[in-house]
Every structure is written in C-alpha cells, then in structure tokens.
C-alpha atoms as a PDB file:
ATOM      1  CA  MET A   1     -20.218 -16.686 -32.937  1.00  0.00           C
ATOM      2  CA  VAL A   2     -21.228 -14.378 -29.975  1.00  0.00           C
ATOM      3  CA  LYS A   3     -19.614 -15.353 -26.690  1.00  0.00           C
ATOM      4  CA  SER A   4     -21.892 -15.852 -23.623  1.00  0.00           C
ATOM      5  CA  ALA A   5     -21.446 -13.584 -20.455  1.00  0.00           C
ATOM      6  CA  ALA A   6     -19.618 -16.591 -18.816  1.00  0.00           C
ATOM      7  CA  GLU A   7     -17.245 -17.022 -21.753  1.00  0.00           C
ATOM      8  CA  ARG A   8     -16.511 -13.221 -21.797  1.00  0.00           C
ATOM      9  CA  LYS A   9     -16.014 -13.046 -17.941  1.00  0.00           C
ATOM     10  CA  ALA A  10     -13.573 -16.250 -18.224  1.00  0.00           C
ATOM     11  CA  ALA A  11     -11.619 -14.224 -20.953  1.00  0.00           C
ATOM     12  CA  GLN A  12     -11.540 -11.017 -18.705  1.00  0.00           C
ATOM     13  CA  ARG A  13     -10.053 -13.250 -15.755  1.00  0.00           C
ATOM     14  CA  ALA A  14      -7.403 -14.854 -18.133  1.00  0.00           C
ATOM     15  CA  ARG A  15      -6.204 -11.364 -19.344  1.00  0.00           C
ATOM     16  CA  GLN A  16      -5.905  -9.958 -15.674  1.00  0.00           C
ATOM     17  CA  SER A  17      -4.316 -13.080 -14.648  1.00  0.00           C
ATOM     18  CA  ALA A  18      -1.882 -12.814 -17.546  1.00  0.00           C
ATOM     19  CA  THR A  19      -0.824  -9.297 -16.515  1.00  0.00           C
ATOM     20  CA  GLY A  20      -0.715 -10.152 -12.904  1.00  0.00           C
ATOM     21  CA  THR A  21      -3.601  -8.030 -12.061  1.00  0.00           C
ATOM     22  CA  ARG A  22      -5.478  -9.044  -8.906  1.00  0.00           C
ATOM     23  CA  LYS A  23      -8.901  -7.903  -7.671  1.00  0.00           C
ATOM     24  CA  LEU A  24      -9.318  -6.651  -3.933  1.00  0.00           C
ATOM     25  CA  GLU A  25     -12.406  -6.247  -2.147  1.00  0.00           C
ATOM     26  CA  LEU A  26     -12.238  -3.307   0.419  1.00  0.00           C
ATOM     27  CA  GLN A  27     -14.634  -2.618   3.196  1.00  0.00           C
ATOM     28  CA  LEU A  28     -15.017   1.238   4.089  1.00  0.00           C
ATOM     29  CA  ASP A  29     -17.403   2.452   6.666  1.00  0.00           C
ATOM     30  CA  GLN A  30     -19.495   5.147   5.712  1.00  0.00           C
ATOM     31  CA  GLN A  31     -17.172   8.091   6.957  1.00  0.00           C
ATOM     32  CA  GLU A  32     -14.257   6.437   5.257  1.00  0.00           C
ATOM     33  CA  MET A  33     -16.388   6.338   1.921  1.00  0.00           C
ATOM     34  CA  VAL A  34     -17.246   9.851   2.360  1.00  0.00           C
ATOM     35  CA  MET A  35     -13.722  10.923   2.765  1.00  0.00           C
ATOM     36  CA  LEU A  36     -12.541   8.914  -0.057  1.00  0.00           C
ATOM     37  CA  GLU A  37     -15.236  10.411  -2.488  1.00  0.00           C
ATOM     38  CA  GLN A  38     -14.224  14.160  -1.204  1.00  0.00           C
ATOM     39  CA  ASN A  39     -10.539  13.401  -1.645  1.00  0.00           C
ATOM     40  CA  CYS A  40     -11.133  12.207  -5.326  1.00  0.00           C
ATOM     41  CA  MET A  41     -12.840  15.290  -5.912  1.00  0.00           C
ATOM     42  CA  ALA A  42     -10.586  17.701  -3.925  1.00  0.00           C
ATOM     43  CA  ARG A  43      -7.415  16.374  -5.763  1.00  0.00           C
ATOM     44  CA  ARG A  44      -8.776  17.280  -9.240  1.00  0.00           C
ATOM     45  CA  PRO A  45     -10.305  20.630  -8.798  1.00  0.00           C
ATOM     46  CA  GLY A  46     -12.198  21.980 -12.059  1.00  0.00           C
ATOM     47  CA  ARG A  47     -11.706  18.390 -13.514  1.00  0.00           C
ATOM     48  CA  ASP A  48     -13.469  15.031 -13.413  1.00  0.00           C
ATOM     49  CA  PRO A  49     -12.755  13.513 -10.055  1.00  0.00           C
ATOM     50  CA  TYR A  50     -10.235  10.549  -9.663  1.00  0.00           C
ATOM     51  CA  ASP A  51     -11.960   7.076 -10.139  1.00  0.00           C
ATOM     52  CA  LEU A  52     -11.941   5.193  -6.669  1.00  0.00           C
ATOM     53  CA  ASN A  53      -9.524   2.629  -8.154  1.00  0.00           C
ATOM     54  CA  GLU A  54      -7.166   4.963  -9.572  1.00  0.00           C
ATOM     55  CA  TYR A  55      -6.981   7.048  -6.428  1.00  0.00           C
ATOM     56  CA  VAL A  56      -6.276   4.095  -4.058  1.00  0.00           C
ATOM     57  CA  THR A  57      -3.658   2.541  -6.524  1.00  0.00           C
ATOM     58  CA  MET A  58      -1.798   6.102  -6.402  1.00  0.00           C
ATOM     59  CA  LEU A  59      -2.140   6.218  -2.580  1.00  0.00           C
ATOM     60  CA  ILE A  60      -0.434   2.683  -2.544  1.00  0.00           C
ATOM     61  CA  ARG A  61       2.219   3.897  -5.124  1.00  0.00           C
ATOM     62  CA  ARG A  62       2.860   7.125  -2.966  1.00  0.00           C
ATOM     63  CA  ASP A  63       3.137   4.981   0.256  1.00  0.00           C
ATOM     64  CA  ASN A  64       5.518   2.640  -1.366  1.00  0.00           C
ATOM     65  CA  ALA A  65       7.779   5.491  -2.662  1.00  0.00           C
ATOM     66  CA  GLU A  66       7.769   7.080   1.039  1.00  0.00           C
ATOM     67  CA  LEU A  67       8.677   3.599   2.433  1.00  0.00           C
ATOM     68  CA  GLN A  68      11.529   3.193   0.202  1.00  0.00           C
ATOM     69  CA  HIS A  69      13.025   6.442   1.069  1.00  0.00           C
ATOM     70  CA  LEU A  70      12.502   5.862   4.834  1.00  0.00           C
ATOM     71  CA  LEU A  71      14.329   2.420   4.246  1.00  0.00           C
ATOM     72  CA  LYS A  72      17.327   4.270   2.800  1.00  0.00           C
ATOM     73  CA  ILE A  73      17.701   6.605   5.703  1.00  0.00           C
ATOM     74  CA  VAL A  74      16.756   4.423   8.924  1.00  0.00           C
ATOM     75  CA  GLY A  75      20.198   3.082   9.255  1.00  0.00           C
ATOM     76  CA  HIS A  76      21.259   0.051  11.145  1.00  0.00           C
ATOM     77  CA  CYS A  77      20.365  -1.713  14.611  1.00  0.00           C
ATOM     78  CA  GLY A  78      22.209  -0.159  17.238  1.00  0.00           C
ATOM     79  CA  LYS A  79      22.953  -3.706  18.905  1.00  0.00           C
ATOM     80  CA  CYS A  80      23.689  -6.233  16.039  1.00  0.00           C
ATOM     81  CA  GLY A  81      24.562  -3.656  13.184  1.00  0.00           C
ATOM     82  CA  ASP A  82      22.318  -5.210  10.853  1.00  0.00           C
ATOM     83  CA  LYS A  83      20.731  -2.889   8.188  1.00  0.00           C
ATOM     84  CA  ALA A  84      17.341  -1.939   9.001  1.00  0.00           C
ATOM     85  CA  PRO A  85      14.620  -3.229   8.561  1.00  0.00           C
ATOM     86  CA  VAL A  86      15.651  -6.011  11.043  1.00  0.00           C
ATOM     87  CA  THR A  87      13.375  -8.848  11.195  1.00  0.00           C
ATOM     88  CA  SER A  88      14.982 -10.682  14.115  1.00  0.00           C
ATOM     89  CA  CYS A  89      17.886  -9.778  16.504  1.00  0.00           C
ATOM     90  CA  PRO A  90      19.435 -11.565  19.496  1.00  0.00           C
ATOM     91  CA  CYS A  91      19.266  -8.262  21.525  1.00  0.00           C
ATOM     92  CA  VAL A  92      15.637  -7.888  21.025  1.00  0.00           C
ATOM     93  CA  GLY A  93      14.036  -6.038  24.139  1.00  0.00           C
ATOM     94  CA  GLU A  94      17.180  -3.651  24.720  1.00  0.00           C
ATOM     95  CA  ALA A  95      16.432  -0.161  23.933  1.00  0.00           C
ATOM     96  CA  ALA A  96      19.208   0.093  21.274  1.00  0.00           C
ATOM     97  CA  CYS A  97      17.838  -2.747  19.128  1.00  0.00           C
ATOM     98  CA  TRP A  98      16.059  -2.003  15.900  1.00  0.00           C
ATOM     99  CA  VAL A  99      13.448  -4.629  16.464  1.00  0.00           C
ATOM    100  CA  THR A 100      12.460  -3.364  19.806  1.00  0.00           C
ATOM    101  CA  ASN A 101      11.995   0.413  18.873  1.00  0.00           C
ATOM    102  CA  GLY A 102      13.395   1.311  15.388  1.00  0.00           C
ATOM    103  CA  TRP A 103      10.413  -0.415  13.477  1.00  0.00           C
ATOM    104  CA  GLN A 104       8.299   2.671  14.748  1.00  0.00           C
ATOM    105  CA  GLU A 105       9.991   4.830  12.030  1.00  0.00           C
ATOM    106  CA  LEU A 106       8.203   2.720   9.566  1.00  0.00           C
ATOM    107  CA  LYS A 107       4.704   2.541  11.006  1.00  0.00           C
ATOM    108  CA  LEU A 108       1.851   4.011   9.309  1.00  0.00           C
ATOM    109  CA  THR A 109       0.482   7.071  11.646  1.00  0.00           C
ATOM    110  CA  VAL A 110      -2.664   8.887  11.220  1.00  0.00           C
END
C-alpha cells in the first residue's frame, strides 16, 4: 500500500525523533546569507560547495571544540577558588572574581 504524504512526513518525524535530530529555523539577513553562501564555496574550492546545513553544523562543532579547550585553560576564580566557569560567587563585583570579569574569556567575538 502506498503511503500518503502525511504518513511519510509522520514517519520522517518519528525517525528524526528517534535519533535525537531537531529542526532549527534560522533567520539570516541578506548580507549574512551572502556571506554563508560565499563561505560554503570558498571552503571547498574546485569542489561542490558545502551544503548550508553541513556548514552550520561544522561551525557548531568547531566552536564547541574551541570552547572545551578554553574551559580547560581558563583556570579558577581569583576570589572563591571555584573552577571556571563559575556561575555564582559571593564575591561577584570584585575585579578578581571570575563571574565579574573572567567570563569574558569565553564570550564570542567578531
């Protein structure tokens, strides 16, 4: 028996749910879209460009690897001694406190 479009879509959603795959809607302005498409091509010269999904997922994985590396080297809070990243500290507001200034080592910059 042939499945209807709704049945096929339901089966696809069930497969994705079983593997933990989630759909993400991303809103990009025209300039960001041009940059994304250019980068997909520039990162694979002479070959088929990266698929947009593939490129974005690789950026996420690359950023995660960089973050894990940073977390290993950022050290401890200069006041309470807790290992960074510290989410709360009784010394927040003091210059040596990681919550006050140290978190900036982890923030994304352009």
